[in-house]
């Protein structure tokens, strides 16, 4: 299936895109396999603009979301989210005291989001905002892994007939061919996710850079 890409892109680009299929596959699995997808025209909110969150932003755009909103705590990642398809991207620490849930409600004219994706690994901080800004029959897709447990208001799920769906990793062959075909059709553009490259002999530097959580996707090259 990777040949679908080699017919369209140059060799270097093919390898770049190939390296991104796995993190995007995690977002695909959560949003469309475990989460069941969404109707074109839906509003999608993504918390966290690392590789998986950025993949969720790009997939939401490609799948026909009418509005994509992204939140992160790093200006560079916020910028990348905008470049990858978010209509609005915010640094939560630079919102002049406005809560993310209030911003979502403002941008949706009080309706809320159809799907909210937790890709920040900060559920204790993000889930309360998701609960406050979810439409009836909406979904929370939980992809991040937090270090502590997260309390939830279950009444929100009952009164709104909402769902919380956890998804782990990707489904390999059941997902990868579809992402490759999306890339080959140029309906999905994830190339801007790559923000840094390190030669193999500097792999330790790359690992240290990744812990700063400021890049999109870091590549190790040979």
N, C-alpha and C. Protein backbone atom coordinates (compact mmCIF):
# COMPACT_ATOMS: atom_id res chain seq x y z
N UNK A 1 0.81 -1.21 0.00
CA UNK A 1 0.00 0.00 0.00
C UNK A 1 0.85 1.26 0.00
N UNK A 2 2.07 1.17 0.58
CA UNK A 2 2.90 2.36 0.61
C UNK A 2 3.26 2.81 -0.80
N UNK A 3 3.12 1.88 -1.78
CA UNK A 3 3.36 2.25 -3.17
C UNK A 3 2.40 3.34 -3.63
N UNK A 4 1.22 3.40 -3.00
CA UNK A 4 0.28 4.47 -3.35
C UNK A 4 0.91 5.84 -3.13
N UNK A 5 1.75 5.93 -2.10
CA UNK A 5 2.41 7.20 -1.82
C UNK A 5 3.58 7.44 -2.76
N UNK A 6 4.32 6.37 -3.08
CA UNK A 6 5.52 6.54 -3.91
C UNK A 6 5.17 6.99 -5.32
N UNK A 7 3.93 6.76 -5.73
CA UNK A 7 3.51 7.22 -7.06
C UNK A 7 3.22 8.72 -7.07
N UNK A 8 3.02 9.29 -5.90
CA UNK A 8 2.62 10.69 -5.80
C UNK A 8 3.75 11.59 -5.30
N UNK A 9 4.52 11.08 -4.33
CA UNK A 9 5.51 11.91 -3.65
C UNK A 9 6.93 11.44 -3.96
N UNK A 10 7.89 12.33 -3.74
CA UNK A 10 9.30 11.98 -3.87
C UNK A 10 9.69 11.05 -2.73
N UNK A 11 10.81 10.34 -2.93
CA UNK A 11 11.22 9.32 -1.96
C UNK A 11 11.33 9.86 -0.54
N UNK A 12 12.00 11.01 -0.37
CA UNK A 12 12.18 11.56 0.97
C UNK A 12 10.84 11.85 1.63
N UNK A 13 9.91 12.37 0.85
CA UNK A 13 8.59 12.70 1.40
C UNK A 13 7.83 11.44 1.77
N UNK A 14 7.98 10.39 0.97
CA UNK A 14 7.30 9.12 1.27
C UNK A 14 7.74 8.60 2.63
N UNK A 15 9.04 8.63 2.89
CA UNK A 15 9.53 8.14 4.18
C UNK A 15 9.06 9.03 5.32
N UNK A 16 9.03 10.33 5.09
CA UNK A 16 8.52 11.25 6.11
C UNK A 16 7.08 10.93 6.46
N UNK A 17 6.25 10.82 5.43
CA UNK A 17 4.83 10.54 5.66
C UNK A 17 4.64 9.17 6.30
N UNK A 18 5.45 8.21 5.87
CA UNK A 18 5.35 6.87 6.44
C UNK A 18 5.61 6.87 7.94
N UNK A 19 6.51 7.74 8.39
CA UNK A 19 6.83 7.80 9.82
C UNK A 19 5.69 8.40 10.64
N UNK A 20 4.75 9.05 9.98
CA UNK A 20 3.65 9.71 10.69
C UNK A 20 2.38 8.87 10.74
N UNK A 21 2.37 7.77 10.02
CA UNK A 21 1.15 6.96 9.92
C UNK A 21 0.75 6.39 11.29
N UNK A 22 1.76 6.02 12.10
CA UNK A 22 1.44 5.41 13.39
C UNK A 22 0.78 6.38 14.37
N UNK A 23 1.36 7.57 14.62
CA UNK A 23 0.65 8.46 15.57
C UNK A 23 -0.72 8.89 15.05
N UNK A 24 -0.81 9.12 13.74
CA UNK A 24 -2.12 9.48 13.17
C UNK A 24 -3.08 8.30 13.29
N UNK A 25 -2.53 7.08 13.20
CA UNK A 25 -3.35 5.89 13.37
C UNK A 25 -3.99 5.79 14.74
N UNK A 26 -3.29 6.27 15.76
CA UNK A 26 -3.87 6.28 17.11
C UNK A 26 -5.09 7.19 17.17
N UNK A 27 -4.97 8.36 16.54
CA UNK A 27 -6.10 9.29 16.51
C UNK A 27 -7.24 8.69 15.69
N UNK A 28 -6.91 8.06 14.57
CA UNK A 28 -7.91 7.43 13.70
C UNK A 28 -8.67 6.35 14.48
N UNK A 29 -7.91 5.54 15.21
CA UNK A 29 -8.53 4.46 15.98
C UNK A 29 -9.53 5.01 16.99
N UNK A 30 -9.12 6.05 17.72
CA UNK A 30 -10.01 6.61 18.72
C UNK A 30 -11.23 7.28 18.14
N UNK A 31 -11.02 8.06 17.09
CA UNK A 31 -12.11 8.87 16.54
C UNK A 31 -13.07 8.07 15.66
N UNK A 32 -12.53 7.13 14.89
CA UNK A 32 -13.36 6.49 13.86
C UNK A 32 -13.61 5.00 14.07
N UNK A 33 -12.72 4.31 14.76
CA UNK A 33 -12.95 2.89 15.02
C UNK A 33 -13.65 2.73 16.37
N UNK A 34 -12.95 3.00 17.44
CA UNK A 34 -13.56 2.90 18.77
C UNK A 34 -14.67 3.93 18.95
N UNK A 35 -14.45 5.15 18.46
CA UNK A 35 -15.41 6.23 18.65
C UNK A 35 -16.55 6.27 17.67
N UNK A 36 -16.47 5.52 16.59
CA UNK A 36 -17.58 5.44 15.65
C UNK A 36 -17.71 6.60 14.69
N UNK A 37 -16.74 7.52 14.69
CA UNK A 37 -16.76 8.62 13.73
C UNK A 37 -17.75 9.72 14.10
N UNK A 38 -17.94 10.63 13.15
CA UNK A 38 -18.87 11.73 13.36
C UNK A 38 -19.47 12.15 12.03
N UNK A 39 -20.58 12.87 12.10
CA UNK A 39 -21.24 13.33 10.89
C UNK A 39 -20.50 14.54 10.32
N UNK A 40 -20.36 14.60 8.99
CA UNK A 40 -19.79 15.82 8.40
C UNK A 40 -20.57 17.04 8.87
N UNK A 41 -19.85 18.08 9.20
CA UNK A 41 -20.48 19.27 9.75
C UNK A 41 -20.41 19.35 11.26
N UNK A 42 -19.88 18.31 11.90
CA UNK A 42 -19.75 18.30 13.36
C UNK A 42 -18.67 19.26 13.83
N UNK A 43 -18.73 19.58 15.11
CA UNK A 43 -17.70 20.40 15.76
C UNK A 43 -16.79 19.47 16.55
N UNK A 44 -15.49 19.60 16.31
CA UNK A 44 -14.50 18.75 16.97
C UNK A 44 -13.53 19.62 17.76
N UNK A 45 -13.32 19.26 19.02
CA UNK A 45 -12.36 19.96 19.88
C UNK A 45 -11.27 18.98 20.27
N UNK A 46 -10.02 19.41 20.15
CA UNK A 46 -8.87 18.56 20.48
C UNK A 46 -8.03 19.23 21.56
N UNK A 47 -7.86 18.54 22.67
CA UNK A 47 -6.96 19.01 23.72
C UNK A 47 -5.63 18.29 23.58
N UNK A 48 -4.56 19.06 23.38
CA UNK A 48 -3.23 18.49 23.20
C UNK A 48 -2.84 18.50 21.74
N UNK A 49 -1.70 19.13 21.43
CA UNK A 49 -1.26 19.23 20.03
C UNK A 49 0.11 18.61 19.84
N UNK A 50 0.29 17.44 20.47
CA UNK A 50 1.43 16.60 20.15
C UNK A 50 1.11 15.82 18.89
N UNK A 51 1.91 14.82 18.52
CA UNK A 51 1.67 14.07 17.29
C UNK A 51 0.26 13.47 17.19
N UNK A 52 -0.25 12.89 18.27
CA UNK A 52 -1.58 12.28 18.20
C UNK A 52 -2.66 13.35 18.12
N UNK A 53 -2.54 14.40 18.91
CA UNK A 53 -3.51 15.48 18.85
C UNK A 53 -3.51 16.18 17.50
N UNK A 54 -2.33 16.41 16.94
CA UNK A 54 -2.25 17.03 15.62
C UNK A 54 -2.86 16.11 14.56
N UNK A 55 -2.65 14.80 14.73
CA UNK A 55 -3.30 13.86 13.82
C UNK A 55 -4.81 13.94 13.91
N UNK A 56 -5.32 14.12 15.13
CA UNK A 56 -6.77 14.26 15.32
C UNK A 56 -7.29 15.52 14.64
N UNK A 57 -6.53 16.61 14.74
CA UNK A 57 -6.92 17.86 14.07
C UNK A 57 -7.00 17.65 12.57
N UNK A 58 -5.96 17.05 11.99
CA UNK A 58 -5.93 16.85 10.54
C UNK A 58 -7.03 15.91 10.07
N UNK A 59 -7.28 14.85 10.83
CA UNK A 59 -8.34 13.91 10.46
C UNK A 59 -9.71 14.55 10.56
N UNK A 60 -9.93 15.35 11.59
CA UNK A 60 -11.21 16.04 11.73
C UNK A 60 -11.47 16.94 10.53
N UNK A 61 -10.43 17.65 10.11
CA UNK A 61 -10.56 18.53 8.95
C UNK A 61 -10.86 17.72 7.69
N UNK A 62 -10.12 16.62 7.50
CA UNK A 62 -10.29 15.80 6.30
C UNK A 62 -11.66 15.12 6.27
N UNK A 63 -12.21 14.82 7.45
CA UNK A 63 -13.48 14.08 7.53
C UNK A 63 -14.70 14.99 7.47
N UNK A 64 -14.50 16.29 7.35
CA UNK A 64 -15.63 17.17 7.14
C UNK A 64 -16.16 17.90 8.34
N UNK A 65 -15.35 18.04 9.39
CA UNK A 65 -15.80 18.85 10.54
C UNK A 65 -16.03 20.29 10.09
N UNK A 66 -17.09 20.90 10.58
CA UNK A 66 -17.36 22.29 10.22
C UNK A 66 -16.52 23.26 11.03
N UNK A 67 -16.10 22.82 12.21
CA UNK A 67 -15.30 23.66 13.10
C UNK A 67 -14.36 22.77 13.89
N UNK A 68 -13.08 23.11 13.85
CA UNK A 68 -12.07 22.37 14.61
C UNK A 68 -11.37 23.34 15.55
N UNK A 69 -11.40 23.03 16.84
CA UNK A 69 -10.80 23.88 17.86
C UNK A 69 -9.72 23.08 18.58
N UNK A 70 -8.54 23.67 18.74
CA UNK A 70 -7.44 22.98 19.39
C UNK A 70 -6.92 23.78 20.58
N UNK A 71 -6.54 23.06 21.63
CA UNK A 71 -5.95 23.68 22.82
C UNK A 71 -4.63 23.01 23.15
N UNK A 72 -3.66 23.80 23.57
CA UNK A 72 -2.40 23.27 24.07
C UNK A 72 -1.83 24.28 25.06
N UNK A 73 -0.64 24.00 25.58
CA UNK A 73 -0.01 24.93 26.53
C UNK A 73 1.30 25.48 25.97
N UNK A 74 1.56 25.21 24.69
CA UNK A 74 2.81 25.63 24.07
C UNK A 74 2.51 26.39 22.79
N UNK A 75 3.09 27.57 22.64
CA UNK A 75 2.79 28.42 21.48
C UNK A 75 3.15 27.76 20.16
N UNK A 76 4.27 27.06 20.11
CA UNK A 76 4.70 26.44 18.86
C UNK A 76 3.71 25.36 18.42
N UNK A 77 3.27 24.55 19.36
CA UNK A 77 2.29 23.51 19.02
C UNK A 77 0.94 24.12 18.64
N UNK A 78 0.58 25.20 19.28
CA UNK A 78 -0.65 25.90 18.91
C UNK A 78 -0.57 26.37 17.47
N UNK A 79 0.58 26.90 17.08
CA UNK A 79 0.78 27.37 15.71
C UNK A 79 0.66 26.22 14.72
N UNK A 80 1.27 25.08 15.05
CA UNK A 80 1.21 23.92 14.16
C UNK A 80 -0.23 23.43 14.01
N UNK A 81 -0.98 23.42 15.10
CA UNK A 81 -2.38 22.99 15.04
C UNK A 81 -3.16 23.84 14.05
N UNK A 82 -2.91 25.15 14.06
CA UNK A 82 -3.58 26.02 13.10
C UNK A 82 -3.17 25.70 11.67
N UNK A 83 -1.90 25.40 11.47
CA UNK A 83 -1.41 25.09 10.13
C UNK A 83 -1.95 23.75 9.63
N UNK A 84 -2.32 22.87 10.55
CA UNK A 84 -2.80 21.55 10.16
C UNK A 84 -4.32 21.45 10.08
N UNK A 85 -5.00 22.57 10.26
CA UNK A 85 -6.44 22.52 10.00
C UNK A 85 -7.35 23.05 11.08
N UNK A 86 -6.81 23.40 12.24
CA UNK A 86 -7.67 23.95 13.29
C UNK A 86 -8.14 25.34 12.90
N UNK A 87 -9.44 25.57 13.00
CA UNK A 87 -9.98 26.91 12.73
C UNK A 87 -9.58 27.89 13.82
N UNK A 88 -9.50 27.37 15.05
CA UNK A 88 -9.08 28.18 16.19
C UNK A 88 -8.13 27.33 17.03
N UNK A 89 -6.99 27.88 17.39
CA UNK A 89 -6.03 27.17 18.23
C UNK A 89 -5.57 28.11 19.34
N UNK A 90 -5.61 27.62 20.57
CA UNK A 90 -5.36 28.48 21.73
C UNK A 90 -4.31 27.88 22.66
N UNK A 91 -3.48 28.76 23.20
CA UNK A 91 -2.63 28.40 24.33
C UNK A 91 -3.47 28.65 25.59
N UNK A 92 -3.76 27.60 26.30
CA UNK A 92 -4.63 27.71 27.47
C UNK A 92 -4.09 28.71 28.49
N UNK A 93 -2.77 28.85 28.52
CA UNK A 93 -2.14 29.76 29.49
C UNK A 93 -2.16 31.21 29.04
N UNK A 94 -2.70 31.46 27.86
CA UNK A 94 -2.70 32.84 27.34
C UNK A 94 -4.10 33.25 26.87
N UNK A 95 -5.10 32.89 27.65
CA UNK A 95 -6.49 33.17 27.28
C UNK A 95 -7.14 34.23 28.16
N UNK A 96 -6.30 34.99 28.85
CA UNK A 96 -6.80 36.10 29.68
C UNK A 96 -7.89 35.67 30.66
N UNK A 97 -7.70 34.50 31.25
CA UNK A 97 -8.64 34.04 32.26
C UNK A 97 -9.88 33.35 31.72
N UNK A 98 -10.03 33.29 30.40
CA UNK A 98 -11.18 32.61 29.80
C UNK A 98 -10.95 31.10 29.85
N UNK A 99 -11.91 30.36 30.34
CA UNK A 99 -11.79 28.91 30.42
C UNK A 99 -11.99 28.28 29.04
N UNK A 100 -11.28 27.18 28.75
CA UNK A 100 -11.47 26.51 27.46
C UNK A 100 -12.92 26.15 27.17
N UNK A 101 -13.63 25.67 28.19
CA UNK A 101 -15.04 25.30 27.98
C UNK A 101 -15.87 26.52 27.60
N UNK A 102 -15.59 27.66 28.20
CA UNK A 102 -16.32 28.88 27.85
C UNK A 102 -16.01 29.31 26.42
N UNK A 103 -14.76 29.14 26.00
CA UNK A 103 -14.39 29.50 24.63
C UNK A 103 -15.09 28.59 23.62
N UNK A 104 -15.18 27.30 23.95
CA UNK A 104 -15.89 26.38 23.06
C UNK A 104 -17.36 26.78 22.95
N UNK A 105 -17.98 27.08 24.06
CA UNK A 105 -19.39 27.48 24.03
C UNK A 105 -19.58 28.79 23.27
N UNK A 106 -18.63 29.70 23.41
CA UNK A 106 -18.71 30.96 22.66
C UNK A 106 -18.62 30.72 21.16
N UNK A 107 -17.66 29.90 20.74
CA UNK A 107 -17.44 29.67 19.31
C UNK A 107 -18.54 28.83 18.68
N UNK A 108 -19.25 28.07 19.49
CA UNK A 108 -20.36 27.24 18.97
C UNK A 108 -21.72 27.86 19.27
N UNK A 109 -21.71 29.11 19.71
CA UNK A 109 -22.95 29.84 20.02
C UNK A 109 -23.81 29.10 21.03
N UNK A 110 -23.15 28.57 22.04
CA UNK A 110 -23.85 27.94 23.13
C UNK A 110 -24.22 26.48 22.93
N UNK A 111 -23.85 25.90 21.80
CA UNK A 111 -24.25 24.52 21.52
C UNK A 111 -23.27 23.50 22.08
N UNK A 112 -21.99 23.78 22.00
CA UNK A 112 -20.98 22.82 22.44
C UNK A 112 -20.44 22.00 21.29
N UNK A 113 -19.53 21.09 21.61
CA UNK A 113 -18.85 20.27 20.61
C UNK A 113 -19.48 18.90 20.50
N UNK A 114 -19.45 18.36 19.29
CA UNK A 114 -19.96 17.00 19.06
C UNK A 114 -18.97 15.95 19.54
N UNK A 115 -17.69 16.21 19.29
CA UNK A 115 -16.63 15.29 19.72
C UNK A 115 -15.52 16.09 20.37
N UNK A 116 -15.07 15.62 21.52
CA UNK A 116 -13.92 16.23 22.18
C UNK A 116 -12.86 15.15 22.37
N UNK A 117 -11.66 15.44 21.94
CA UNK A 117 -10.57 14.46 21.96
C UNK A 117 -9.56 14.86 23.03
N UNK A 118 -9.30 13.97 23.97
CA UNK A 118 -8.28 14.21 24.99
C UNK A 118 -6.99 13.54 24.52
N UNK A 119 -6.06 14.35 24.03
CA UNK A 119 -4.76 13.85 23.58
C UNK A 119 -3.63 14.54 24.30
N UNK A 120 -3.95 15.19 25.40
CA UNK A 120 -2.95 15.95 26.15
C UNK A 120 -2.32 15.13 27.28
N UNK A 121 -2.97 14.05 27.67
CA UNK A 121 -2.49 13.31 28.83
C UNK A 121 -2.66 14.10 30.11
N UNK A 122 -3.67 14.94 30.14
CA UNK A 122 -3.92 15.81 31.30
C UNK A 122 -5.38 15.77 31.67
N UNK A 123 -5.95 14.58 31.72
CA UNK A 123 -7.39 14.43 31.93
C UNK A 123 -7.93 15.15 33.15
N UNK A 124 -7.23 15.16 34.30
CA UNK A 124 -7.79 15.89 35.45
C UNK A 124 -8.06 17.36 35.16
N UNK A 125 -7.31 17.94 34.22
CA UNK A 125 -7.50 19.35 33.87
C UNK A 125 -8.44 19.53 32.68
N UNK A 126 -8.46 18.57 31.76
CA UNK A 126 -9.22 18.75 30.52
C UNK A 126 -10.65 18.21 30.58
N UNK A 127 -10.84 17.08 31.25
CA UNK A 127 -12.16 16.45 31.28
C UNK A 127 -13.24 17.38 31.84
N UNK A 128 -12.98 18.13 32.92
CA UNK A 128 -14.03 19.04 33.41
C UNK A 128 -14.49 20.04 32.36
N UNK A 129 -13.58 20.51 31.52
CA UNK A 129 -13.97 21.44 30.46
C UNK A 129 -14.78 20.72 29.37
N UNK A 130 -14.41 19.50 29.09
CA UNK A 130 -15.16 18.73 28.09
C UNK A 130 -16.59 18.49 28.55
N UNK A 131 -16.75 18.16 29.82
CA UNK A 131 -18.08 17.90 30.37
C UNK A 131 -18.98 19.13 30.24
N UNK A 132 -18.40 20.31 30.37
CA UNK A 132 -19.19 21.54 30.35
C UNK A 132 -19.51 22.03 28.94
N UNK A 133 -18.91 21.45 27.94
CA UNK A 133 -19.06 22.01 26.58
C UNK A 133 -19.31 20.94 25.54
N UNK A 134 -20.13 19.96 25.91
CA UNK A 134 -20.45 18.84 25.04
C UNK A 134 -21.93 18.89 24.66
N UNK A 135 -22.23 18.69 23.39
CA UNK A 135 -23.62 18.66 22.97
C UNK A 135 -24.30 17.40 23.49
N UNK A 136 -25.62 17.37 23.44
CA UNK A 136 -26.34 16.14 23.74
C UNK A 136 -25.96 15.09 22.71
N UNK A 137 -25.77 13.85 23.17
CA UNK A 137 -25.32 12.75 22.32
C UNK A 137 -23.89 12.96 21.82
N UNK A 138 -23.13 13.77 22.54
CA UNK A 138 -21.75 14.00 22.17
C UNK A 138 -20.82 12.91 22.70
N UNK A 139 -19.56 12.99 22.28
CA UNK A 139 -18.58 11.97 22.66
C UNK A 139 -17.30 12.62 23.17
N UNK A 140 -16.74 12.02 24.20
CA UNK A 140 -15.39 12.33 24.64
C UNK A 140 -14.51 11.15 24.26
N UNK A 141 -13.51 11.39 23.44
CA UNK A 141 -12.58 10.34 23.02
C UNK A 141 -11.32 10.48 23.86
N UNK A 142 -11.04 9.49 24.66
CA UNK A 142 -9.92 9.58 25.60
C UNK A 142 -8.72 8.82 25.06
N UNK A 143 -7.70 9.57 24.63
CA UNK A 143 -6.49 8.98 24.08
C UNK A 143 -5.27 9.18 24.97
N UNK A 144 -5.27 10.25 25.77
CA UNK A 144 -4.12 10.57 26.61
C UNK A 144 -4.03 9.64 27.81
N UNK A 145 -2.85 9.58 28.39
CA UNK A 145 -2.63 8.78 29.59
C UNK A 145 -2.17 9.71 30.71
N UNK A 146 -2.98 9.83 31.75
CA UNK A 146 -2.66 10.73 32.85
C UNK A 146 -2.00 9.96 33.99
N UNK A 147 -1.21 10.67 34.79
CA UNK A 147 -0.50 10.03 35.90
C UNK A 147 -1.41 9.80 37.10
N UNK A 148 -2.53 10.49 37.15
CA UNK A 148 -3.46 10.36 38.28
C UNK A 148 -4.86 10.04 37.76
N UNK A 149 -5.70 9.52 38.64
CA UNK A 149 -7.08 9.22 38.26
C UNK A 149 -7.87 10.51 38.08
N UNK A 150 -8.95 10.41 37.32
CA UNK A 150 -9.74 11.59 36.97
C UNK A 150 -11.19 11.42 37.41
N UNK A 151 -11.68 12.25 38.31
CA UNK A 151 -13.10 12.19 38.66
C UNK A 151 -13.96 12.71 37.52
N UNK A 152 -15.14 12.15 37.38
CA UNK A 152 -16.06 12.60 36.33
C UNK A 152 -17.45 12.80 36.91
N UNK A 153 -18.18 13.73 36.33
CA UNK A 153 -19.58 13.96 36.69
C UNK A 153 -20.43 13.05 35.80
N UNK A 154 -20.82 11.91 36.33
CA UNK A 154 -21.57 10.95 35.53
C UNK A 154 -22.96 11.44 35.16
N UNK A 155 -23.48 12.40 35.92
CA UNK A 155 -24.79 12.95 35.58
C UNK A 155 -24.77 13.61 34.20
N UNK A 156 -23.61 14.14 33.81
CA UNK A 156 -23.48 14.74 32.48
C UNK A 156 -23.71 13.69 31.40
N UNK A 157 -23.19 12.48 31.64
CA UNK A 157 -23.37 11.41 30.66
C UNK A 157 -24.83 10.99 30.58
N UNK A 158 -25.50 10.96 31.72
CA UNK A 158 -26.89 10.53 31.75
C UNK A 158 -27.81 11.59 31.14
N UNK A 159 -27.70 12.81 31.62
CA UNK A 159 -28.63 13.86 31.17
C UNK A 159 -28.41 14.22 29.71
N UNK A 160 -27.17 14.10 29.24
CA UNK A 160 -26.89 14.44 27.84
C UNK A 160 -26.82 13.25 26.92
N UNK A 161 -27.02 12.04 27.46
CA UNK A 161 -26.87 10.81 26.68
C UNK A 161 -25.51 10.80 25.97
N UNK A 162 -24.49 11.24 26.71
CA UNK A 162 -23.14 11.34 26.14
C UNK A 162 -22.34 10.07 26.40
N UNK A 163 -21.20 9.98 25.73
CA UNK A 163 -20.35 8.80 25.84
C UNK A 163 -18.91 9.22 26.09
N UNK A 164 -18.21 8.41 26.87
CA UNK A 164 -16.76 8.53 27.02
C UNK A 164 -16.15 7.25 26.48
N UNK A 165 -15.26 7.38 25.53
CA UNK A 165 -14.72 6.22 24.83
C UNK A 165 -13.20 6.23 24.93
N UNK A 166 -12.67 5.18 25.48
CA UNK A 166 -11.22 5.04 25.55
C UNK A 166 -10.71 4.24 24.36
N UNK A 167 -9.56 4.59 23.87
CA UNK A 167 -8.96 3.87 22.75
C UNK A 167 -7.47 3.78 22.98
N UNK A 168 -6.92 2.62 22.72
CA UNK A 168 -5.50 2.40 22.96
C UNK A 168 -4.79 2.08 21.65
N UNK A 169 -3.81 2.91 21.32
CA UNK A 169 -2.98 2.63 20.16
C UNK A 169 -3.74 2.65 18.85
N UNK A 170 -3.27 1.84 17.93
CA UNK A 170 -3.86 1.76 16.60
C UNK A 170 -4.20 0.31 16.30
N UNK A 171 -4.84 0.07 15.18
CA UNK A 171 -5.22 -1.29 14.82
C UNK A 171 -4.42 -1.80 13.63
N UNK A 172 -3.23 -1.23 13.43
CA UNK A 172 -2.33 -1.72 12.40
C UNK A 172 -2.95 -1.77 11.02
N UNK A 173 -2.99 -2.96 10.45
CA UNK A 173 -3.44 -3.10 9.07
C UNK A 173 -4.88 -2.66 8.88
N UNK A 174 -5.68 -2.72 9.93
CA UNK A 174 -7.06 -2.30 9.80
C UNK A 174 -7.23 -0.80 9.64
N UNK A 175 -6.15 -0.05 9.88
CA UNK A 175 -6.20 1.41 9.81
C UNK A 175 -5.20 1.98 8.81
N UNK A 176 -3.98 1.46 8.83
CA UNK A 176 -2.90 2.06 8.04
C UNK A 176 -3.24 2.23 6.55
N UNK A 177 -3.85 1.22 5.90
CA UNK A 177 -4.14 1.40 4.47
C UNK A 177 -5.06 2.60 4.20
N UNK A 178 -5.97 2.87 5.11
CA UNK A 178 -6.89 3.99 4.91
C UNK A 178 -6.17 5.33 5.06
N UNK A 179 -5.24 5.40 6.01
CA UNK A 179 -4.46 6.63 6.16
C UNK A 179 -3.57 6.83 4.94
N UNK A 180 -2.96 5.76 4.46
CA UNK A 180 -2.11 5.86 3.27
C UNK A 180 -2.91 6.34 2.07
N UNK A 181 -4.12 5.81 1.92
CA UNK A 181 -4.95 6.25 0.78
C UNK A 181 -5.37 7.71 0.92
N UNK A 182 -5.63 8.14 2.15
CA UNK A 182 -5.95 9.56 2.37
C UNK A 182 -4.76 10.44 2.02
N UNK A 183 -3.56 10.00 2.41
CA UNK A 183 -2.36 10.77 2.08
C UNK A 183 -2.12 10.80 0.58
N UNK A 184 -2.29 9.65 -0.07
CA UNK A 184 -2.07 9.57 -1.51
C UNK A 184 -3.06 10.43 -2.28
N UNK A 185 -4.27 10.56 -1.76
CA UNK A 185 -5.28 11.39 -2.42
C UNK A 185 -5.08 12.87 -2.13
N UNK A 186 -4.16 13.17 -1.20
CA UNK A 186 -3.88 14.53 -0.74
C UNK A 186 -5.07 15.18 -0.03
N UNK A 187 -5.99 14.34 0.43
CA UNK A 187 -7.09 14.85 1.25
C UNK A 187 -6.67 14.99 2.72
N UNK A 188 -5.53 14.40 3.06
CA UNK A 188 -4.98 14.50 4.41
C UNK A 188 -3.55 15.01 4.31
N UNK A 189 -3.28 16.14 4.93
CA UNK A 189 -1.94 16.73 4.91
C UNK A 189 -1.39 16.78 6.32
N UNK A 190 -0.39 15.95 6.59
CA UNK A 190 0.19 15.90 7.93
C UNK A 190 1.67 16.25 7.91
N UNK A 191 2.18 16.70 6.79
CA UNK A 191 3.62 16.96 6.66
C UNK A 191 4.11 18.04 7.62
N UNK A 192 3.25 18.99 7.95
CA UNK A 192 3.67 20.08 8.84
C UNK A 192 3.88 19.61 10.28
N UNK A 193 3.49 18.38 10.56
CA UNK A 193 3.69 17.84 11.90
C UNK A 193 5.17 17.71 12.24
N UNK A 194 6.00 17.47 11.23
CA UNK A 194 7.44 17.29 11.45
C UNK A 194 8.08 18.65 11.71
N UNK A 195 8.65 18.79 12.89
CA UNK A 195 9.22 20.09 13.27
C UNK A 195 10.71 20.01 13.61
N UNK A 196 11.26 18.81 13.70
CA UNK A 196 12.69 18.68 14.02
C UNK A 196 13.23 17.36 13.48
N UNK A 197 14.50 17.38 13.09
CA UNK A 197 15.19 16.18 12.60
C UNK A 197 16.55 16.08 13.30
N UNK A 198 16.89 14.86 13.68
CA UNK A 198 18.19 14.61 14.30
C UNK A 198 18.86 13.43 13.61
N UNK A 199 20.17 13.52 13.35
CA UNK A 199 20.88 12.35 12.83
C UNK A 199 20.93 11.27 13.90
N UNK A 200 21.12 10.03 13.47
CA UNK A 200 21.06 8.91 14.39
C UNK A 200 22.06 9.05 15.54
N UNK A 201 23.23 9.62 15.24
CA UNK A 201 24.25 9.73 16.29
C UNK A 201 23.85 10.73 17.38
N UNK A 202 22.79 11.50 17.15
CA UNK A 202 22.31 12.44 18.16
C UNK A 202 20.93 12.04 18.69
N UNK A 203 20.70 10.74 18.72
CA UNK A 203 19.40 10.25 19.16
C UNK A 203 19.11 10.63 20.62
N UNK A 204 20.14 10.70 21.46
CA UNK A 204 19.93 11.11 22.85
C UNK A 204 19.43 12.55 22.91
N UNK A 205 20.01 13.41 22.07
CA UNK A 205 19.54 14.79 22.02
C UNK A 205 18.08 14.85 21.59
N UNK A 206 17.71 13.99 20.65
CA UNK A 206 16.33 13.96 20.18
C UNK A 206 15.38 13.54 21.30
N UNK A 207 15.79 12.54 22.07
CA UNK A 207 14.95 12.08 23.18
C UNK A 207 14.80 13.18 24.23
N UNK A 208 15.88 13.89 24.50
CA UNK A 208 15.80 14.98 25.46
C UNK A 208 14.89 16.09 24.95
N UNK A 209 14.97 16.38 23.65
CA UNK A 209 14.11 17.41 23.07
C UNK A 209 12.64 17.01 23.16
N UNK A 210 12.38 15.72 23.01
CA UNK A 210 10.98 15.27 23.04
C UNK A 210 10.35 15.47 24.41
N UNK A 211 11.16 15.43 25.46
CA UNK A 211 10.59 15.59 26.80
C UNK A 211 10.12 17.02 27.07
N UNK A 212 10.58 17.97 26.24
CA UNK A 212 10.14 19.36 26.40
C UNK A 212 8.71 19.55 25.93
N UNK A 213 8.22 18.62 25.10
CA UNK A 213 6.84 18.66 24.60
C UNK A 213 6.53 19.98 23.89
N UNK A 214 7.49 20.44 23.09
CA UNK A 214 7.28 21.67 22.32
C UNK A 214 7.24 21.42 20.83
N UNK A 215 7.75 20.27 20.39
CA UNK A 215 7.75 19.94 18.96
C UNK A 215 6.46 19.23 18.57
N UNK A 216 6.25 19.15 17.25
CA UNK A 216 5.20 18.31 16.73
C UNK A 216 5.71 16.88 16.72
N UNK A 217 6.36 16.49 15.62
CA UNK A 217 6.96 15.17 15.49
C UNK A 217 8.46 15.33 15.24
N UNK A 218 9.26 14.63 16.03
CA UNK A 218 10.71 14.63 15.87
C UNK A 218 11.11 13.37 15.11
N UNK A 219 11.91 13.54 14.05
CA UNK A 219 12.37 12.40 13.27
C UNK A 219 13.84 12.13 13.51
N UNK A 220 14.20 10.84 13.54
CA UNK A 220 15.59 10.41 13.58
C UNK A 220 15.95 9.97 12.17
N UNK A 221 17.00 10.55 11.61
CA UNK A 221 17.39 10.24 10.24
C UNK A 221 18.73 9.52 10.22
N UNK A 222 19.00 8.84 9.11
CA UNK A 222 20.26 8.12 8.95
C UNK A 222 21.08 8.76 7.85
